[in-house]
C-alpha atoms as a PDB file:
ATOM      1  CA  MET A   1      16.852   8.566 -41.547  1.00  0.00           C
ATOM      2  CA  ASN A   2      17.003   9.697 -45.025  1.00  0.00           C
ATOM      3  CA  VAL A   3      16.507   6.563 -47.821  1.00  0.00           C
ATOM      4  CA  PRO A   4      19.636   6.774 -49.707  1.00  0.00           C
ATOM      5  CA  LEU A   5      21.315   6.480 -45.760  1.00  0.00           C
ATOM      6  CA  SER A   6      19.367   3.846 -44.564  1.00  0.00           C
ATOM      7  CA  SER A   7      19.800   1.953 -48.389  1.00  0.00           C
ATOM      8  CA  ALA A   8      23.377   2.296 -47.882  1.00  0.00           C
ATOM      9  CA  LEU A   9      22.876   0.853 -44.233  1.00  0.00           C
ATOM     10  CA  SER A  10      20.721  -2.068 -45.994  1.00  0.00           C
ATOM     11  CA  GLY A  11      23.263  -3.094 -48.395  1.00  0.00           C
ATOM     12  CA  ILE A  12      26.330  -3.390 -45.770  1.00  0.00           C
ATOM     13  CA  SER A  13      24.145  -5.608 -43.547  1.00  0.00           C
ATOM     14  CA  ALA A  14      23.250  -7.495 -47.148  1.00  0.00           C
ATOM     15  CA  ALA A  15      27.051  -7.769 -48.075  1.00  0.00           C
ATOM     16  CA  ASN A  16      27.613  -8.851 -44.129  1.00  0.00           C
ATOM     17  CA  GLU A  17      25.184 -11.677 -44.385  1.00  0.00           C
ATOM     18  CA  ARG A  18      26.501 -13.371 -47.828  1.00  0.00           C
ATOM     19  CA  LEU A  19      30.034 -12.842 -46.134  1.00  0.00           C
ATOM     20  CA  ARG A  20      28.556 -14.807 -43.195  1.00  0.00           C
ATOM     21  CA  ALA A  21      26.575 -17.490 -44.956  1.00  0.00           C
ATOM     22  CA  SER A  22      29.497 -18.393 -47.025  1.00  0.00           C
ATOM     23  CA  ALA A  23      32.309 -18.489 -44.187  1.00  0.00           C
ATOM     24  CA  ALA A  24      29.735 -20.944 -42.808  1.00  0.00           C
ATOM     25  CA  ASN A  25      29.780 -23.002 -46.164  1.00  0.00           C
ATOM     26  CA  ILE A  26      33.606 -23.645 -45.854  1.00  0.00           C
ATOM     27  CA  ALA A  27      33.226 -24.347 -42.095  1.00  0.00           C
ATOM     28  CA  ASN A  28      30.791 -26.847 -42.790  1.00  0.00           C
ATOM     29  CA  LEU A  29      32.917 -28.255 -45.234  1.00  0.00           C
ATOM     30  CA  ALA A  30      35.605 -29.015 -43.020  1.00  0.00           C
ATOM     31  CA  ALA A  31      33.267 -30.538 -41.098  1.00  0.00           C
ATOM     32  CA  GLY A  32      31.793 -32.382 -43.551  1.00  0.00           C
ATOM     33  CA  ASN A  33      28.150 -30.960 -43.853  1.00  0.00           C
ATOM     34  CA  LEU A  34      27.412 -31.453 -47.500  1.00  0.00           C
ATOM     35  CA  ASP A  35      24.339 -28.748 -47.228  1.00  0.00           C
ATOM     36  CA  ARG A  36      25.069 -25.604 -48.528  1.00  0.00           C
ATOM     37  CA  PRO A  37      22.684 -22.749 -46.707  1.00  0.00           C
ATOM     38  CA  SER A  38      22.700 -19.675 -49.135  1.00  0.00           C
ATOM     39  CA  VAL A  39      21.267 -16.077 -48.517  1.00  0.00           C
ATOM     40  CA  GLU A  40      18.965 -15.125 -50.892  1.00  0.00           C
ATOM     41  CA  PRO A  41      17.012 -11.533 -50.863  1.00  0.00           C
ATOM     42  CA  ASN A  42      13.614 -13.541 -50.842  1.00  0.00           C
ATOM     43  CA  GLN A  43      13.370 -16.642 -48.831  1.00  0.00           C
ATOM     44  CA  VAL A  44      10.197 -17.268 -50.432  1.00  0.00           C
ATOM     45  CA  ASP A  45      11.268 -19.894 -53.030  1.00  0.00           C
ATOM     46  CA  LYS A  46      14.095 -21.948 -50.692  1.00  0.00           C
ATOM     47  CA  VAL A  47      16.079 -23.914 -53.223  1.00  0.00           C
ATOM     48  CA  PRO A  48      17.365 -27.018 -52.025  1.00  0.00           C
ATOM     49  CA  GLY A  49      20.376 -27.557 -50.445  1.00  0.00           C
ATOM     50  CA  ARG A  50      23.264 -27.899 -52.777  1.00  0.00           C
ATOM     51  CA  GLU A  51      26.651 -29.331 -52.752  1.00  0.00           C
ATOM     52  CA  ILE A  52      29.617 -27.006 -51.399  1.00  0.00           C
ATOM     53  CA  ASN A  53      32.571 -26.007 -53.655  1.00  0.00           C
ATOM     54  CA  PRO A  54      34.760 -24.362 -52.023  1.00  0.00           C
ATOM     55  CA  ALA A  55      35.806 -21.999 -55.388  1.00  0.00           C
ATOM     56  CA  ASN A  56      31.965 -20.933 -55.119  1.00  0.00           C
ATOM     57  CA  GLU A  57      32.453 -19.950 -51.897  1.00  0.00           C
ATOM     58  CA  VAL A  58      35.586 -17.757 -52.580  1.00  0.00           C
ATOM     59  CA  VAL A  59      33.905 -16.121 -55.669  1.00  0.00           C
ATOM     60  CA  GLU A  60      30.929 -15.439 -53.098  1.00  0.00           C
ATOM     61  CA  GLN A  61      33.316 -13.996 -50.595  1.00  0.00           C
ATOM     62  CA  GLN A  62      35.285 -11.789 -52.938  1.00  0.00           C
ATOM     63  CA  SER A  63      31.326 -10.770 -54.344  1.00  0.00           C
ATOM     64  CA  ALA A  64      30.292  -9.744 -51.009  1.00  0.00           C
ATOM     65  CA  ALA A  65      33.382  -8.201 -49.627  1.00  0.00           C
ATOM     66  CA  TYR A  66      32.811  -5.755 -53.089  1.00  0.00           C
ATOM     67  CA  ALA A  67      29.495  -5.108 -52.217  1.00  0.00           C
ATOM     68  CA  PHE A  68      30.272  -4.220 -49.404  1.00  0.00           C
ATOM     69  CA  VAL A  69      33.124  -1.705 -49.975  1.00  0.00           C
ATOM     70  CA  ALA A  70      30.651   0.011 -52.759  1.00  0.00           C
ATOM     71  CA  ASN A  71      27.845   0.130 -50.329  1.00  0.00           C
ATOM     72  CA  LEU A  72      30.464   1.652 -48.032  1.00  0.00           C
ATOM     73  CA  LYS A  73      31.722   4.399 -50.481  1.00  0.00           C
ATOM     74  CA  VAL A  74      27.916   5.291 -51.301  1.00  0.00           C
ATOM     75  CA  LEU A  75      27.348   6.016 -47.342  1.00  0.00           C
ATOM     76  CA  GLN A  76      30.484   7.867 -47.558  1.00  0.00           C
ATOM     77  CA  THR A  77      29.418  10.001 -50.480  1.00  0.00           C
ATOM     78  CA  GLN A  78      26.280  10.565 -49.233  1.00  0.00           C
ATOM     79  CA  LEU A  79      27.491  11.684 -45.410  1.00  0.00           C
ATOM     80  CA  ASN A  80      29.910  13.893 -47.444  1.00  0.00           C
ATOM     81  CA  THR A  81      27.322  15.698 -49.441  1.00  0.00           C
ATOM     82  CA  THR A  82      24.998  15.904 -46.194  1.00  0.00           C
ATOM     83  CA  GLY A  83      28.090  17.966 -44.448  1.00  0.00           C
ATOM     84  CA  ALA A  84      29.029  20.019 -47.979  1.00  0.00           C
ATOM     85  CA  LEU A  85      24.933  21.056 -47.688  1.00  0.00           C
ATOM     86  CA  LEU A  86      25.282  21.805 -43.983  1.00  0.00           C
ATOM     87  CA  ASP A  87      28.902  23.650 -44.560  1.00  0.00           C
ATOM     88  CA  ILE A  88      26.502  26.151 -47.180  1.00  0.00           C
ATOM     89  CA  LYS A  89      23.382  26.496 -44.950  1.00  0.00           C
ATOM     90  CA  ALA A  90      25.775  27.564 -41.887  1.00  0.00           C
END
């Protein structure tokens, strides 16, 4: 697998995980759990649990959705470019 393709797929996976974590935070809010697990790119220094703020979670979900779409566009561009190059070579 080439690097741009794997980078786009990795970004899609990260955005999906951010959205999942934020949805879990909203679900925990309804259950009365005030611990806020978060997805950090580097889990070496874990941040202590923070209080869940629904407004922050909505922003996090929108941000994850934009990142997901952006990575899909990168993937689409990469596949279109590869297809065009194969058409030229054929």
